[in-house]
Amino acid sequence: MVLVVDVIKGVQTQTAECLIIGEIICSKMLVVLNKIDLIPENKKVATIEKMSKRMQKTLESTKFAGCPITAVSANPGASESDCKEPEGISNLIQVLQQNTYVPQRSAEGPFIFSVDHCFSIRGQGTVMTGTVLSGQVCVNNTVEISSVQECKKVKSIQMFHKPTQSVKQGDRAGICVTQFDPKLLERGLVCSPGALPTLYAAIVTLSKINYFSGEVRTKMKFHVTIGHSTVMARIALFGFGDDGTAANHESKPLDDAVEGLTVTDMFDFSRDYAYQDELIKGKGLKQWALLEFEKPVVCRPNSLVIGSKLDSDIHANKCRLAFRAQIVEAITDKEYSKMLLPKLKVYKNKTREGAVERIHDDYNVICKGLLKKETDVGLFTGLKVSLSSGEQGLVEGSFGLSGKVKVRVPTGLSEETKAALAGKGKKSRKKTAGEPQAIINSEGKVVHVTMNFKHYVYDPSKKMTQS
């Protein structure tokens, strides 16, 4: 990555955002201080040295600490009639050569080609220029233009104006196909037929970007960028346990660019996940989200995702990048809300409280306030409840039409409880907000009933369960 910084203005908001993106996707960086021709000659050396030290200080807490910094004037005198010669370019080239390395490349896997420009040549066909992300392609192979789902035959390939029979991962190339309208593709992905799925939603593992000062909450909408595509997506957060902690869970860190981000080979639909209102920041946390896209996205199944608030004020001194994520479950079924989401066991812990109205017999009590009148009691039948007098009971079903329920105590009511609830009793004249009217004994004590249960967010039957 080459980070270009105006030597006069220094780091701006968008510069910082570029640095954050660089931490996510790059391993090496070079800083170029540009526009040094705007500095008076008698102050040039001191100003460049001062800005270089400031940049090194800024980068201390990032993975790019100690990276090379060089100063240039790429286009001096651009606003004047007589332009001057560029400054520092030869030194920049030397620094680039010193830091150049050959990455590991492989021709294995499906062919995926990231297109950054598409144009036609009369008598030749349509040329797509870009970088091979994975695999290889040869002349006469068939490729798929994924965004329009059209397959075309490769007529010819060039690398730096020289014909070649094949290209592989890491190569920059121009690929020529015939009978394809270049207006249909400005940027995007070209691949082996069927290599790239169309996603309507995705389950991701994610982490909040440290510099984002806003909230990342369930049901909020964010701009999510996947490759060349940026679409709106609604987010629903969940994690391990009630607090999202990943105790006793082994996970492999993706990197240290953003705290807490980890990746697994496959999402586990067999376990329970706790619903979360907000993305939690901190180490040792394992968090996921369901992203539901407003428009389908064509991408690799394990793509990197960056969530942003691009509708924020661009001139405000705030980071717009909210979170980074990795797809762990690509959802390609358009009817995923019916077919897949019921398998996603995300639960909310719920508590209902009521009070004993009267004794029905030695093993049963009638409770009021535990459920609302319009509630389907069948969803709660068989759930365990606790009486404040110490007994444990089970919801037997409804009692009457006013929302009362019958609770059975298998071990029977204690003598103390029966004594407290003996007779018709008297109804309390005052009650706090939300507390049901209940029978009280002569000492004025209410026998409360509490029911704790799990509500699974995506369960179509809406059945309540308990551990």
Protein backbone atom coordinates (compact mmCIF):
# COMPACT_ATOMS: atom_id res chain seq x y z
CA MET A 1 0.00 0.00 0.00
CA VAL A 2 1.18 3.51 -0.86
CA LEU A 3 -0.35 6.12 1.47
CA VAL A 4 -0.07 9.59 -0.08
CA VAL A 5 -0.18 12.47 2.40
CA ASP A 6 -0.24 16.20 1.67
CA VAL A 7 2.92 17.45 3.41
CA ILE A 8 1.19 20.78 4.20
CA LYS A 9 -2.13 19.45 5.55
CA GLY A 10 -0.91 16.22 7.12
CA VAL A 11 -3.29 13.39 8.02
CA GLN A 12 -6.93 14.18 7.18
CA THR A 13 -10.07 12.19 8.03
CA GLN A 14 -10.05 10.31 4.73
CA THR A 15 -6.31 9.64 5.12
CA ALA A 16 -7.04 7.95 8.45
CA GLU A 17 -9.81 5.90 6.84
CA CYS A 18 -7.37 4.76 4.13
CA LEU A 19 -4.94 3.75 6.88
CA ILE A 20 -7.66 1.68 8.59
CA ILE A 21 -8.48 -0.09 5.32
CA GLY A 22 -4.76 -0.68 4.80
CA GLU A 23 -4.49 -2.34 8.22
CA ILE A 24 -7.30 -4.69 7.24
CA ILE A 25 -6.12 -5.72 3.78
CA CYS A 26 -2.35 -5.04 3.54
CA SER A 27 0.80 -6.31 5.21
CA LYS A 28 3.27 -3.64 4.03
CA MET A 29 2.99 0.11 3.46
CA LEU A 30 5.00 3.04 2.12
CA VAL A 31 4.16 6.65 3.05
CA VAL A 32 4.69 9.32 0.38
CA LEU A 33 4.72 12.97 1.50
CA ASN A 34 3.56 14.88 -1.58
CA LYS A 35 3.55 18.57 -2.64
CA ILE A 36 6.93 19.46 -1.17
CA ASP A 37 7.24 22.15 -3.89
CA LEU A 38 4.77 24.24 -1.83
CA ILE A 39 7.30 24.55 1.01
CA PRO A 40 9.74 27.50 0.89
CA GLU A 41 13.29 26.31 0.12
CA ASN A 42 14.69 27.60 3.43
CA LYS A 43 12.11 25.55 5.39
CA LYS A 44 11.84 22.45 3.18
CA VAL A 45 14.23 20.12 5.01
CA ALA A 46 12.90 21.01 8.48
CA THR A 47 9.24 20.72 7.39
CA ILE A 48 9.75 17.31 5.76
CA GLU A 49 11.63 16.05 8.83
CA LYS A 50 8.89 17.34 11.16
CA MET A 51 6.10 15.73 9.13
CA SER A 52 8.05 12.46 8.87
CA LYS A 53 8.37 12.30 12.66
CA ARG A 54 4.67 13.09 13.04
CA MET A 55 3.76 10.27 10.66
CA GLN A 56 6.00 7.79 12.48
CA LYS A 57 4.30 8.79 15.74
CA THR A 58 0.87 8.26 14.15
CA LEU A 59 1.87 4.81 12.89
CA GLU A 60 3.37 3.62 16.20
CA SER A 61 0.17 1.87 17.27
CA THR A 62 -0.44 0.23 13.88
CA LYS A 63 1.10 -2.76 12.06
CA PHE A 64 2.98 -0.25 9.86
CA ALA A 65 5.21 1.14 12.64
CA GLY A 66 8.62 2.02 11.22
CA CYS A 67 7.53 1.83 7.58
CA PRO A 68 9.51 3.81 4.94
CA ILE A 69 8.61 7.47 4.40
CA THR A 70 9.74 9.43 1.35
CA ALA A 71 9.00 12.95 0.11
CA VAL A 72 8.13 13.96 -3.47
CA SER A 73 6.58 16.61 -5.63
CA ALA A 74 4.78 14.64 -8.30
CA ASN A 75 3.56 17.62 -10.34
CA PRO A 76 5.24 20.85 -9.20
CA GLY A 77 3.90 24.12 -10.52
CA ALA A 78 0.67 22.50 -11.72
CA SER A 79 -1.20 25.78 -11.32
CA GLU A 80 1.44 27.76 -13.21
CA SER A 81 2.03 28.03 -16.93
CA ASP A 82 5.58 26.65 -16.82
CA CYS A 83 5.64 23.35 -14.93
CA LYS A 84 8.82 22.29 -13.19
CA GLU A 85 10.46 18.90 -13.07
CA PRO A 86 9.13 16.43 -10.46
CA GLU A 87 11.16 16.10 -7.25
CA GLY A 88 12.02 12.91 -5.33
CA ILE A 89 10.59 10.48 -7.90
CA SER A 90 13.88 8.63 -8.43
CA ASN A 91 14.20 8.21 -4.65
CA LEU A 92 10.59 6.93 -4.50
CA ILE A 93 11.37 4.34 -7.19
CA GLN A 94 14.46 3.26 -5.25
CA VAL A 95 12.43 2.84 -2.02
CA LEU A 96 9.81 0.83 -3.92
CA GLN A 97 12.50 -1.45 -5.33
CA GLN A 98 14.02 -1.97 -1.88
CA ASN A 99 10.65 -2.99 -0.43
CA THR A 100 9.32 -5.04 -3.32
CA TYR A 101 8.74 -8.72 -2.57
CA VAL A 102 7.27 -11.65 -4.49
CA PRO A 103 4.16 -12.99 -2.73
CA GLN A 104 3.21 -16.64 -2.71
CA ARG A 105 1.02 -17.42 -5.70
CA SER A 106 -0.86 -20.51 -6.82
CA ALA A 107 -2.65 -21.54 -9.98
CA GLU A 108 -4.92 -23.87 -7.99
CA GLY A 109 -8.58 -23.20 -7.32
CA PRO A 110 -11.29 -21.52 -9.38
CA PHE A 111 -10.38 -18.66 -11.69
CA ILE A 112 -11.47 -15.29 -10.25
CA PHE A 113 -10.54 -12.07 -12.05
CA SER A 114 -11.14 -8.60 -10.56
CA VAL A 115 -12.02 -6.24 -13.42
CA ASP A 116 -11.28 -2.53 -13.01
CA HIS A 117 -11.86 -1.37 -16.61
CA CYS A 118 -13.85 -2.66 -19.59
CA PHE A 119 -13.80 -1.30 -23.15
CA SER A 120 -14.27 -2.44 -26.74
CA ILE A 121 -11.74 -2.54 -29.61
CA ARG A 122 -13.26 -2.45 -33.06
CA GLY A 123 -12.65 -5.68 -34.91
CA GLN A 124 -11.23 -7.39 -31.83
CA GLY A 125 -13.92 -7.62 -29.15
CA THR A 126 -14.34 -6.46 -25.56
CA VAL A 127 -11.28 -6.17 -23.32
CA MET A 128 -11.50 -6.51 -19.55
CA THR A 129 -8.41 -5.36 -17.63
CA GLY A 130 -7.74 -6.35 -14.04
CA THR A 131 -5.95 -8.66 -11.60
CA VAL A 132 -6.23 -12.42 -11.24
CA LEU A 133 -7.29 -13.08 -7.62
CA SER A 134 -7.12 -16.87 -7.79
CA GLY A 135 -6.65 -19.79 -10.18
CA GLN A 136 -5.68 -19.42 -13.84
CA VAL A 137 -7.27 -19.01 -17.27
CA CYS A 138 -6.12 -19.91 -20.77
CA VAL A 139 -7.05 -18.78 -24.27
CA ASN A 140 -10.23 -20.60 -25.45
CA ASN A 141 -11.42 -21.16 -21.86
CA THR A 142 -14.97 -20.08 -20.98
CA VAL A 143 -15.44 -17.43 -18.31
CA GLU A 144 -18.55 -16.10 -16.59
CA ILE A 145 -19.28 -12.38 -16.19
CA SER A 146 -20.93 -12.91 -12.83
CA SER A 147 -22.87 -9.65 -12.49
CA VAL A 148 -24.92 -10.38 -15.63
CA GLN A 149 -24.51 -14.18 -15.52
CA GLU A 150 -23.24 -14.41 -19.09
CA CYS A 151 -20.58 -16.90 -20.21
CA LYS A 152 -18.04 -15.91 -22.91
CA LYS A 153 -15.06 -17.56 -24.56
CA VAL A 154 -11.57 -16.06 -24.05
CA LYS A 155 -10.32 -14.96 -27.48
CA SER A 156 -6.91 -13.61 -26.44
CA ILE A 157 -4.90 -12.50 -23.38
CA GLN A 158 -2.23 -9.78 -23.04
CA MET A 159 0.16 -8.86 -20.23
CA PHE A 160 1.78 -5.45 -20.60
CA HIS A 161 0.96 -5.35 -24.34
CA LYS A 162 2.45 -8.78 -24.97
CA PRO A 163 0.26 -11.75 -25.98
CA THR A 164 0.22 -14.77 -23.65
CA GLN A 165 -1.63 -18.06 -23.61
CA SER A 166 -2.50 -18.02 -19.89
CA VAL A 167 -2.43 -15.95 -16.70
CA LYS A 168 -2.55 -17.00 -13.03
CA GLN A 169 -3.06 -15.60 -9.54
CA GLY A 170 -1.42 -12.21 -9.07
CA ASP A 171 -1.04 -11.37 -12.79
CA ARG A 172 -2.24 -8.08 -14.26
CA ALA A 173 -3.80 -8.77 -17.62
CA GLY A 174 -6.20 -7.79 -20.35
CA ILE A 175 -8.65 -10.53 -21.34
CA CYS A 176 -10.48 -10.21 -24.67
CA VAL A 177 -13.91 -11.79 -25.22
CA THR A 178 -16.35 -11.41 -28.10
CA GLN A 179 -19.97 -10.36 -28.36
CA PHE A 180 -20.15 -8.64 -24.99
CA ASP A 181 -21.37 -5.07 -24.39
CA PRO A 182 -18.72 -3.24 -22.28
CA LYS A 183 -21.43 -0.95 -20.88
CA LEU A 184 -22.69 -3.91 -18.84
CA LEU A 185 -19.47 -4.10 -16.82
CA GLU A 186 -17.50 -1.21 -15.39
CA ARG A 187 -16.02 -3.01 -12.40
CA GLY A 188 -16.70 -6.42 -11.00
CA LEU A 189 -15.67 -10.07 -11.05
CA VAL A 190 -15.17 -12.55 -13.88
CA CYS A 191 -14.70 -16.22 -13.00
CA SER A 192 -14.86 -19.85 -13.96
CA PRO A 193 -18.52 -20.74 -14.68
CA GLY A 194 -20.37 -21.20 -11.39
CA ALA A 195 -17.40 -20.25 -9.19
CA LEU A 196 -19.02 -17.21 -7.59
CA PRO A 197 -22.37 -17.47 -5.81
CA THR A 198 -25.00 -14.73 -5.56
CA LEU A 199 -25.60 -13.85 -1.91
CA TYR A 200 -28.89 -12.56 -0.53
CA ALA A 201 -27.59 -12.58 3.03
CA ALA A 202 -24.57 -13.78 4.99
CA ILE A 203 -23.53 -14.82 8.48
CA VAL A 204 -20.27 -13.09 9.38
CA THR A 205 -17.86 -12.98 12.27
CA LEU A 206 -17.08 -9.35 12.99
CA SER A 207 -15.41 -6.77 15.18
CA LYS A 208 -15.91 -3.06 15.69
CA ILE A 209 -13.29 -0.71 14.30
CA ASN A 210 -11.65 1.09 17.22
CA TYR A 211 -11.84 4.57 15.69
CA PHE A 212 -15.59 4.43 15.03
CA SER A 213 -17.33 6.51 17.70
CA GLY A 214 -20.90 5.58 16.77
CA GLU A 215 -22.97 2.56 17.73
CA VAL A 216 -23.31 -0.73 15.87
CA ARG A 217 -26.69 -2.04 16.95
CA THR A 218 -29.05 -4.79 15.86
CA LYS A 219 -31.60 -3.65 13.23
CA MET A 220 -29.37 -0.76 12.11
CA LYS A 221 -28.51 -0.39 8.42
CA PHE A 222 -24.94 0.02 7.16
CA HIS A 223 -23.21 0.35 3.83
CA VAL A 224 -21.31 -2.91 3.41
CA THR A 225 -18.49 -3.16 0.91
CA ILE A 226 -17.60 -6.56 -0.52
CA GLY A 227 -15.03 -6.34 -3.31
CA HIS A 228 -16.26 -3.71 -5.80
CA SER A 229 -19.85 -3.85 -4.49
CA THR A 230 -21.28 -1.55 -1.84
CA VAL A 231 -24.88 -2.21 -0.78
CA MET A 232 -27.10 -1.44 2.18
CA ALA A 233 -27.53 -4.23 4.72
CA ARG A 234 -29.48 -4.69 7.93
CA ILE A 235 -27.49 -6.18 10.81
CA ALA A 236 -28.56 -8.61 13.56
CA LEU A 237 -25.93 -9.37 16.20
CA PHE A 238 -25.39 -12.48 18.33
CA GLY A 239 -22.61 -14.23 20.25
CA PHE A 240 -21.64 -16.92 22.76
CA GLY A 241 -23.49 -16.99 26.08
CA ASP A 242 -25.54 -14.23 27.57
CA ASP A 243 -22.67 -11.73 27.44
CA GLY A 244 -21.11 -12.85 24.16
CA THR A 245 -17.90 -14.07 25.76
CA ALA A 246 -15.93 -16.85 24.15
CA ALA A 247 -14.85 -18.67 27.28
CA ASN A 248 -13.10 -22.01 26.64
CA HIS A 249 -13.52 -21.55 22.90
CA GLU A 250 -10.50 -21.99 20.68
CA SER A 251 -10.41 -19.67 17.68
CA LYS A 252 -7.72 -18.60 15.25
CA PRO A 253 -7.14 -14.82 15.03
CA LEU A 254 -7.28 -13.40 11.52
CA ASP A 255 -4.89 -10.61 12.48
CA ASP A 256 -4.50 -7.88 15.08
CA ALA A 257 -5.76 -5.00 12.98
CA VAL A 258 -9.06 -4.87 14.84
CA GLU A 259 -9.57 -6.46 18.24
CA GLY A 260 -11.46 -9.69 18.54
CA LEU A 261 -11.95 -10.72 14.91
CA THR A 262 -11.69 -14.44 14.34
CA VAL A 263 -12.56 -16.82 11.55
CA THR A 264 -13.86 -20.37 11.59
CA ASP A 265 -13.96 -22.81 8.69
CA MET A 266 -17.70 -23.39 8.99
CA PHE A 267 -20.54 -21.81 10.94
CA ASP A 268 -22.01 -24.14 13.57
CA PHE A 269 -25.81 -24.24 13.31
CA SER A 270 -26.06 -26.88 16.06
CA ARG A 271 -25.34 -24.60 19.01
CA ASP A 272 -27.25 -21.78 20.70
CA TYR A 273 -26.25 -18.14 20.31
CA ALA A 274 -27.29 -15.22 22.50
CA TYR A 275 -29.03 -12.27 20.88
CA GLN A 276 -27.11 -9.00 21.24
CA ASP A 277 -28.40 -5.44 21.03
CA GLU A 278 -24.99 -3.91 20.38
CA LEU A 279 -21.60 -4.91 19.04
CA ILE A 280 -19.27 -5.36 22.01
CA LYS A 281 -15.74 -4.04 21.76
CA GLY A 282 -12.87 -5.88 23.39
CA LYS A 283 -10.54 -8.85 23.22
CA GLY A 284 -11.62 -12.41 23.97
CA LEU A 285 -15.02 -11.93 22.35
CA LYS A 286 -16.55 -14.04 19.63
CA GLN A 287 -19.34 -12.24 17.85
CA TRP A 288 -21.40 -12.86 14.74
CA ALA A 289 -23.99 -11.03 12.72
CA LEU A 290 -26.61 -11.80 10.14
CA LEU A 291 -26.30 -9.33 7.25
CA GLU A 292 -29.39 -9.06 5.07
CA PHE A 293 -28.57 -7.29 1.79
CA GLU A 294 -31.02 -4.92 0.12
CA LYS A 295 -29.57 -6.02 -3.24
CA PRO A 296 -27.95 -9.39 -4.06
CA VAL A 297 -24.13 -9.47 -4.02
CA VAL A 298 -21.87 -11.64 -6.18
CA CYS A 299 -18.71 -12.51 -4.25
CA ARG A 300 -16.47 -15.27 -2.95
CA PRO A 301 -18.09 -17.29 -0.14
CA ASN A 302 -15.44 -16.23 2.42
CA SER A 303 -15.15 -12.58 1.36
CA LEU A 304 -13.96 -9.75 3.58
CA VAL A 305 -16.67 -7.22 4.47
CA ILE A 306 -16.27 -3.61 5.63
CA GLY A 307 -19.30 -1.90 7.19
CA SER A 308 -19.53 1.88 7.00
CA LYS A 309 -21.78 4.85 7.61
CA LEU A 310 -21.15 6.55 4.29
CA ASP A 311 -24.16 8.82 4.77
CA SER A 312 -22.28 10.61 7.57
CA ASP A 313 -20.96 14.11 6.98
CA ILE A 314 -17.80 13.71 4.89
CA HIS A 315 -16.39 16.94 6.33
CA ALA A 316 -16.84 15.88 9.96
CA ASN A 317 -13.72 14.78 11.76
CA LYS A 318 -15.08 11.29 12.40
CA CYS A 319 -14.26 7.82 11.13
CA ARG A 320 -17.09 6.44 8.96
CA LEU A 321 -15.78 2.86 8.97
CA ALA A 322 -17.81 0.99 11.60
CA PHE A 323 -16.82 -2.69 11.52
CA ARG A 324 -14.93 -5.32 9.59
CA ALA A 325 -16.16 -8.84 9.05
CA GLN A 326 -15.51 -12.15 7.32
CA ILE A 327 -18.24 -14.23 5.70
CA VAL A 328 -18.49 -17.66 7.35
CA GLU A 329 -21.85 -18.71 5.86
CA ALA A 330 -22.82 -17.50 2.38
CA ILE A 331 -26.61 -17.52 2.03
CA THR A 332 -27.55 -18.08 -1.61
CA ASP A 333 -31.20 -19.10 -1.24
CA LYS A 334 -33.57 -16.24 -2.05
CA GLU A 335 -36.10 -17.80 0.34
CA TYR A 336 -33.54 -17.96 3.17
CA SER A 337 -35.95 -16.47 5.72
CA LYS A 338 -38.11 -19.59 5.41
CA MET A 339 -35.52 -22.22 4.53
CA LEU A 340 -32.36 -21.33 6.52
CA LEU A 341 -33.12 -18.83 9.29
CA PRO A 342 -35.21 -21.33 11.33
CA LYS A 343 -31.98 -23.33 11.70
CA LEU A 344 -30.21 -20.33 13.24
CA LYS A 345 -30.68 -20.74 17.00
CA VAL A 346 -30.38 -17.17 18.28
CA TYR A 347 -32.23 -16.70 21.55
CA LYS A 348 -33.27 -13.94 23.92
CA ASN A 349 -33.51 -14.58 27.65
CA LYS A 350 -36.96 -13.59 28.84
CA THR A 351 -38.56 -13.29 32.28
CA ARG A 352 -42.25 -13.13 33.12
CA GLU A 353 -43.49 -12.29 36.60
CA GLY A 354 -46.89 -12.67 38.19
CA ALA A 355 -48.42 -13.57 41.52
CA VAL A 356 -50.53 -16.32 43.07
CA GLU A 357 -54.17 -15.26 43.18
CA ARG A 358 -55.48 -18.27 45.11
CA ILE A 359 -55.02 -21.97 45.88
CA HIS A 360 -56.93 -24.36 43.63
CA ASP A 361 -55.98 -27.49 45.61
CA ASP A 362 -52.94 -28.92 47.45
CA TYR A 363 -50.99 -29.21 44.18
CA ASN A 364 -52.29 -26.35 42.07
CA VAL A 365 -52.47 -22.59 42.29
CA ILE A 366 -54.09 -19.97 40.06
CA CYS A 367 -51.73 -17.20 38.97
CA LYS A 368 -52.49 -13.76 37.62
CA GLY A 369 -50.26 -11.37 35.67
CA LEU A 370 -47.85 -14.03 34.44
CA LEU A 371 -49.23 -13.82 30.89
CA LYS A 372 -51.37 -11.30 29.06
CA LYS A 373 -54.98 -11.95 28.15
CA GLU A 374 -54.19 -12.17 24.41
CA THR A 375 -51.13 -14.44 24.87
CA ASP A 376 -51.25 -17.96 23.44
CA VAL A 377 -50.84 -19.95 26.66
CA GLY A 378 -50.10 -23.08 24.63
CA LEU A 379 -46.65 -21.68 23.84
CA PHE A 380 -45.84 -21.66 27.57
CA THR A 381 -47.54 -24.89 28.68
CA GLY A 382 -45.07 -27.17 30.47
CA LEU A 383 -42.58 -24.44 31.34
CA LYS A 384 -41.12 -24.30 34.84
CA VAL A 385 -41.93 -21.48 37.25
CA SER A 386 -40.61 -20.53 40.67
CA LEU A 387 -42.75 -19.36 43.60
CA SER A 388 -41.26 -16.84 45.99
CA SER A 389 -42.33 -19.21 48.78
CA GLY A 390 -39.78 -21.73 47.51
CA GLU A 391 -41.84 -24.22 45.47
CA GLN A 392 -41.13 -25.11 41.84
CA GLY A 393 -44.09 -25.56 39.51
CA LEU A 394 -45.14 -26.16 35.90
CA VAL A 395 -47.57 -24.17 33.77
CA GLU A 396 -50.58 -26.46 33.20
CA GLY A 397 -52.58 -24.16 30.93
CA SER A 398 -54.99 -21.26 30.96
CA PHE A 399 -57.66 -20.74 33.61
CA GLY A 400 -60.67 -18.80 32.40
CA LEU A 401 -60.55 -16.11 29.72
CA SER A 402 -58.84 -13.26 31.55
CA GLY A 403 -55.23 -14.37 31.13
CA LYS A 404 -54.94 -16.35 34.36
CA VAL A 405 -52.92 -19.59 34.30
CA LYS A 406 -52.99 -22.75 36.33
CA VAL A 407 -49.65 -23.81 37.85
CA ARG A 408 -49.06 -27.32 39.21
CA VAL A 409 -46.57 -27.92 42.01
CA PRO A 410 -45.56 -31.63 41.68
CA THR A 411 -44.25 -31.87 45.25
CA GLY A 412 -47.31 -30.15 46.66
CA LEU A 413 -47.64 -26.82 48.42
CA SER A 414 -45.91 -26.45 51.77
CA GLU A 415 -47.96 -25.89 54.91
CA GLU A 416 -46.49 -22.41 55.23
CA THR A 417 -47.60 -21.50 51.70
CA LYS A 418 -51.07 -22.93 52.25
CA ALA A 419 -51.33 -21.01 55.48
CA ALA A 420 -50.28 -17.82 53.77
CA LEU A 421 -52.86 -18.33 51.02
CA ALA A 422 -55.58 -19.92 53.12
CA GLY A 423 -59.15 -18.70 52.64
CA LYS A 424 -60.28 -16.12 50.20
CA GLY A 425 -57.78 -13.63 51.50
CA LYS A 426 -58.04 -9.98 50.65
CA LYS A 427 -56.98 -8.16 47.53
CA SER A 428 -54.33 -5.53 47.85
CA ARG A 429 -55.76 -2.08 47.29
CA LYS A 430 -52.47 -0.65 45.99
CA LYS A 431 -49.99 -2.09 43.56
CA THR A 432 -46.86 -0.80 41.90
CA ALA A 433 -46.77 -0.26 38.14
CA GLY A 434 -46.72 -3.59 36.31
CA GLU A 435 -47.34 -5.70 39.44
CA PRO A 436 -50.48 -7.83 39.32
CA GLN A 437 -53.10 -7.67 42.00
CA ALA A 438 -52.62 -10.71 44.26
CA ILE A 439 -53.81 -12.44 47.39
CA ILE A 440 -51.75 -11.42 50.42
CA ASN A 441 -51.68 -12.89 53.89
CA SER A 442 -52.23 -11.05 57.10
CA GLU A 443 -48.60 -9.95 57.13
CA GLY A 444 -49.01 -8.32 53.73
CA LYS A 445 -46.64 -10.60 51.79
CA VAL A 446 -47.25 -11.40 48.11
CA VAL A 447 -46.40 -14.85 46.76
CA HIS A 448 -44.71 -14.01 43.46
CA VAL A 449 -44.33 -16.35 40.49
CA THR A 450 -41.35 -16.06 38.14
CA MET A 451 -40.85 -17.79 34.79
CA ASN A 452 -37.47 -17.67 32.98
CA PHE A 453 -37.25 -18.99 29.42
CA LYS A 454 -35.57 -18.65 26.04
CA HIS A 455 -37.28 -17.15 23.02
CA TYR A 456 -35.66 -18.16 19.72
CA VAL A 457 -35.75 -15.17 17.39
CA TYR A 458 -36.00 -17.08 14.11
CA ASP A 459 -38.16 -20.00 15.27
CA PRO A 460 -41.33 -19.97 13.11
CA SER A 461 -43.29 -21.88 15.76
CA LYS A 462 -42.34 -19.27 18.38
CA LYS A 463 -42.10 -22.04 20.99
CA MET A 464 -40.57 -21.03 24.32
CA THR A 465 -37.91 -23.32 25.83
CA GLN A 466 -35.95 -23.67 29.06
CA SER A 467 -32.62 -25.20 29.93
